Amino acid sequence: MKKEVTILVAEDDEGHAALIRKNLQRAGITNLIIHFKDGQEILDFLSLKGEGPHRLPETPYILLLDIRMPKTDGVEVLRQVKEDENLRKIPVIMVTTTDDPREIDRCHALGCSNYITKPIDSEQFMRAIHQLGLFLMVVEVPRINGEII
């Protein structure tokens, strides 16, 4: 039985988070979207630490991750996720304003699934997120325990 993917958005900018949610919905994505405001919140959720909500083992996730965030930056979140045997199969898509080729290479080397640069122009950003939504409609996401859903 196919279980619906939960979309995790780690983004400290409330405006960008709202645009991501709105444009994923415009693309037809009805999946649950959970927003995290900093890198430590998403790490606690994924690694079952702290007092906030935690991931459910049977639920498949995809992580949309900003690089520039307080407490723990996105590159460090990516590194920790991909080094954790229980989490490494979670697809991580970097969604960030950073278009430095070295940063892009570093994220791919750490194991990100894709890297989307947030255009400064809001219309371009909305189109990019809409396209991401279309992609999310067809992608197969592995469960954390490795089963394909």
Protein backbone atom coordinates (compact mmCIF):
# COMPACT_ATOMS: atom_id res chain seq x y z
CA MET A 1 0.00 0.00 0.00
CA LYS A 2 1.42 3.35 -1.04
CA LYS A 3 1.79 5.81 1.84
CA GLU A 4 1.69 9.51 1.00
CA VAL A 5 4.97 11.37 1.26
CA THR A 6 5.21 14.09 3.89
CA ILE A 7 7.08 17.18 2.68
CA LEU A 8 9.42 18.74 5.23
CA VAL A 9 10.33 22.37 4.57
CA ALA A 10 13.30 23.73 6.54
CA GLU A 11 13.23 27.46 5.78
CA ASP A 12 13.79 30.35 8.21
CA ASP A 13 12.20 32.99 5.95
CA GLU A 14 8.44 32.91 6.59
CA GLY A 15 7.73 34.55 3.22
CA HIS A 16 9.71 31.95 1.30
CA ALA A 17 8.08 29.13 3.29
CA ALA A 18 4.62 30.51 2.47
CA LEU A 19 5.53 30.82 -1.24
CA ILE A 20 6.80 27.22 -1.28
CA ARG A 21 3.61 25.92 0.34
CA LYS A 22 1.32 28.02 -1.88
CA ASN A 23 3.06 27.07 -5.11
CA LEU A 24 3.26 23.38 -4.27
CA GLN A 25 -0.51 23.51 -3.68
CA ARG A 26 -0.99 25.33 -7.01
CA ALA A 27 0.93 22.49 -8.67
CA GLY A 28 -1.61 20.03 -7.26
CA ILE A 29 0.40 18.80 -4.27
CA THR A 30 -1.99 17.96 -1.43
CA ASN A 31 0.57 16.15 0.74
CA LEU A 32 1.10 17.16 4.33
CA ILE A 33 3.74 19.92 4.53
CA ILE A 34 5.55 20.50 7.83
CA HIS A 35 7.56 23.71 8.22
CA PHE A 36 10.69 24.04 10.37
CA LYS A 37 12.20 27.46 11.09
CA ASP A 38 15.81 26.41 11.72
CA GLY A 39 18.23 23.58 11.17
CA GLN A 40 18.11 22.31 14.73
CA GLU A 41 14.30 21.91 14.60
CA ILE A 42 14.51 19.65 11.54
CA LEU A 43 17.41 17.64 13.01
CA ASP A 44 15.46 17.10 16.26
CA PHE A 45 12.39 16.01 14.28
CA LEU A 46 14.35 13.55 12.14
CA SER A 47 16.58 12.15 14.88
CA LEU A 48 13.72 11.84 17.41
CA LYS A 49 15.30 14.27 19.88
CA GLY A 50 13.96 17.24 21.82
CA GLU A 51 10.42 17.98 22.90
CA GLY A 52 8.84 18.90 19.56
CA PRO A 53 7.17 16.61 17.04
CA HIS A 54 9.12 13.65 15.70
CA ARG A 55 9.11 11.66 12.46
CA LEU A 56 7.13 8.46 12.21
CA PRO A 57 9.16 5.44 11.07
CA GLU A 58 6.53 4.22 8.57
CA THR A 59 6.10 7.62 6.91
CA PRO A 60 8.15 8.50 3.81
CA TYR A 61 9.60 12.02 3.77
CA ILE A 62 11.19 14.40 1.33
CA LEU A 63 13.14 17.38 2.69
CA LEU A 64 13.25 20.81 1.07
CA LEU A 65 16.21 22.47 2.77
CA ASP A 66 17.48 26.03 2.82
CA ILE A 67 21.21 26.56 3.38
CA ARG A 68 21.24 29.84 5.31
CA MET A 69 19.37 29.10 8.56
CA PRO A 70 19.90 29.88 12.22
CA LYS A 71 21.22 27.43 14.82
CA THR A 72 22.33 24.77 12.30
CA ASP A 73 22.80 25.65 8.64
CA GLY A 74 21.40 23.53 5.83
CA VAL A 75 24.75 22.12 4.73
CA GLU A 76 25.31 20.74 8.23
CA VAL A 77 21.74 19.36 8.30
CA LEU A 78 22.40 17.68 4.94
CA ARG A 79 25.70 16.22 6.22
CA GLN A 80 24.08 14.80 9.36
CA VAL A 81 21.10 13.35 7.48
CA LYS A 82 23.28 11.64 4.88
CA GLU A 83 25.69 10.27 7.51
CA ASP A 84 22.87 8.76 9.57
CA GLU A 85 22.15 5.16 8.59
CA ASN A 86 18.44 5.58 9.44
CA LEU A 87 17.97 8.86 7.54
CA ARG A 88 20.32 8.76 4.54
CA LYS A 89 17.66 7.58 2.07
CA ILE A 90 15.49 10.65 2.61
CA PRO A 91 15.63 12.70 -0.60
CA VAL A 92 16.96 16.18 0.20
CA ILE A 93 16.38 19.03 -2.22
CA MET A 94 18.31 22.19 -1.49
CA VAL A 95 16.14 25.28 -2.11
CA THR A 96 18.35 28.30 -1.52
CA THR A 97 19.48 31.71 -2.78
CA THR A 98 23.09 30.51 -2.81
CA ASP A 99 24.21 29.95 -6.40
CA ASP A 100 27.95 29.63 -5.67
CA PRO A 101 29.18 26.66 -7.78
CA ARG A 102 31.41 25.49 -4.90
CA GLU A 103 28.40 25.37 -2.56
CA ILE A 104 26.36 23.49 -5.17
CA ASP A 105 29.21 20.97 -5.65
CA ARG A 106 29.58 20.59 -1.89
CA CYS A 107 25.88 19.83 -1.42
CA HIS A 108 25.91 17.27 -4.23
CA ALA A 109 29.05 15.67 -2.76
CA LEU A 110 27.26 15.38 0.58
CA GLY A 111 24.35 13.62 -1.13
CA CYS A 112 21.60 16.12 -1.93
CA SER A 113 19.14 14.85 -4.53
CA ASN A 114 18.76 18.19 -6.27
CA TYR A 115 19.69 21.86 -5.87
CA ILE A 116 17.27 24.66 -6.73
CA THR A 117 18.42 28.27 -6.60
CA LYS A 118 15.73 30.64 -5.39
CA PRO A 119 15.45 33.36 -7.99
CA ILE A 120 15.37 36.83 -6.50
CA ASP A 121 12.39 37.57 -8.77
CA SER A 122 9.25 36.24 -7.07
CA GLU A 123 7.61 35.24 -10.37
CA GLN A 124 10.61 33.04 -11.26
CA PHE A 125 10.60 31.59 -7.75
CA MET A 126 6.91 30.70 -8.05
CA ARG A 127 7.57 28.98 -11.41
CA ALA A 128 10.51 27.03 -9.94
CA ILE A 129 8.42 25.80 -7.00
CA HIS A 130 5.54 24.92 -9.34
CA GLN A 131 7.95 22.80 -11.39
CA LEU A 132 9.22 21.20 -8.18
CA GLY A 133 5.60 20.35 -7.34
CA LEU A 134 5.17 18.64 -10.69
CA PHE A 135 8.36 16.67 -10.04
CA LEU A 136 7.14 15.62 -6.58
CA MET A 137 3.96 14.21 -8.15
CA VAL A 138 5.91 11.55 -10.06
CA VAL A 139 8.99 10.82 -7.95
CA GLU A 140 9.21 7.57 -5.96
CA VAL A 141 10.46 8.18 -2.44
CA PRO A 142 11.97 5.37 -0.34
CA ARG A 143 10.82 4.86 3.20
CA ILE A 144 13.48 5.46 5.76
CA ASN A 145 13.74 1.70 6.35
CA GLY A 146 14.54 1.29 2.68
CA GLU A 147 11.28 -0.07 1.27
CA ILE A 148 10.02 1.64 -1.84
CA ILE A 149 6.50 2.91 -1.35
